[in-house]
Protein backbone atom coordinates (compact mmCIF):
# COMPACT_ATOMS: atom_id res chain seq x y z
CA MET A 1 -11.37 4.91 3.04
CA LYS A 2 -7.61 5.24 2.90
CA ILE A 3 -5.79 1.97 2.17
CA LEU A 4 -2.05 1.42 2.42
CA TYR A 5 -0.33 -1.48 0.69
CA LEU A 6 3.07 -2.53 2.00
CA ILE A 7 4.66 -4.72 -0.67
CA LYS A 8 7.97 -6.57 -0.63
CA GLN A 9 8.26 -7.18 -4.37
CA GLU A 10 6.71 -6.07 -7.62
CA PRO A 11 2.97 -6.83 -7.58
CA ASP A 12 1.77 -9.73 -9.69
CA GLU A 13 -1.27 -9.48 -11.97
CA THR A 14 -3.70 -10.50 -9.23
CA LEU A 15 -2.52 -7.81 -6.85
CA LYS A 16 -2.52 -5.21 -9.62
CA LYS A 17 -6.18 -6.01 -10.38
CA ILE A 18 -7.12 -5.85 -6.70
CA MET A 19 -5.44 -2.48 -6.27
CA GLU A 20 -7.01 -1.10 -9.46
CA GLU A 21 -10.48 -2.06 -8.23
CA GLN A 22 -9.90 -0.55 -4.82
CA MET A 23 -8.57 2.66 -6.40
CA LYS A 24 -11.98 3.18 -8.00
CA PHE A 25 -13.62 3.69 -4.59
CA ASN A 26 -10.80 4.44 -2.13
CA LYS A 27 -7.60 6.39 -1.79
CA VAL A 28 -4.80 3.82 -2.17
CA ALA A 29 -1.12 4.28 -1.40
CA VAL A 30 1.60 1.73 -2.12
CA VAL A 31 4.96 1.47 -0.38
CA ASN A 32 7.58 -0.88 -1.76
CA LEU A 33 9.60 -1.95 1.28
CA LYS A 34 12.59 -2.93 -0.86
CA GLU A 35 12.90 0.61 -2.21
CA ASN A 36 11.66 2.73 0.70
CA LYS A 37 13.74 2.41 3.88
CA ASN A 38 12.41 5.59 5.49
CA TYR A 39 10.79 3.85 8.45
CA ASP A 40 9.62 7.05 10.13
CA GLN A 41 7.60 7.88 7.02
CA ILE A 42 6.26 4.31 6.78
CA VAL A 43 5.09 4.38 10.42
CA ASP A 44 3.38 7.74 9.82
CA LEU A 45 1.64 6.29 6.76
CA ILE A 46 0.46 3.26 8.72
CA PHE A 47 -1.16 5.44 11.37
CA SER A 48 -2.72 7.81 8.84
CA HIS A 49 -4.52 5.10 6.84
CA ASP A 50 -7.71 3.24 7.74
CA LYS A 51 -6.52 -0.12 6.47
CA VAL A 52 -3.02 -1.54 5.99
CA ILE A 53 -2.38 -4.58 3.81
CA SER A 54 0.97 -6.34 3.66
CA TRP A 55 1.53 -8.35 0.52
């Protein structure tokens, strides 16, 4: 499964642990919305992943 995380700030310890566990079994991508303003790329990523999580 391909999982995309859209985050608005640096992940806290809980989120880091969750992502690490999911990375063991899935392909995980992370987009920091404060740093990445390329909305065309973000929309493409959303449609190319099975699950999108906004944190």
